[in-house]
Amino acid sequence: MIDREMISAKFDIIEKDLEFLKEFNKMDDADFLNSYKNIQSAKYSLLEIIEACIDIAYHIVAAKGLGRAEDYREIFSILGKRGILDQKLASRLGDVAGFRNLLVHRYGEIDNLRVLEIINSELGDVLEFEQAVLQYLEKE
């Protein structure tokens, strides 16, 4: 059974962090990149958003018995294959999950320009994910 309260709580986290990240859209790129505080807070907000999306995806897959993912990337692929997410969106979210691994495990130097690029142009995928999940839940 899908825990709608858990999903709602995760969406609250996502929305709060998306709102916070909008502040960086208004900022000059150089001002953002020259501030350790801005970079670190942006990375943490991105991490919270990505983790919330992953948690929601895992919960749906587990609750509905849709399969088993070997990693964070694959969880979105399962939702894409089941028609819950658009396949292209599932692929992009898989890439975001890969970025999560960079943030958490620090496999190498994280390009702060990439962080800014995600903030400025890729957060729409998170909103698209939210809409797809809400549409799926309406059918349930």
Foldseek 3Di string as FASTA:
>chain_A
DFDVVLLVVLVVLLVVLLVVLVVVVPDDPVVQVVDPVNLVSLLVSLLSLLVSLLVNLVRVCVVVVQDDDPASLVSLCSCCVVVLAPNVLSNVSSVSSVVSCCSPVVPDDDDSVVSVCCSNPPCVSSVSSVVSNVVVVVVD
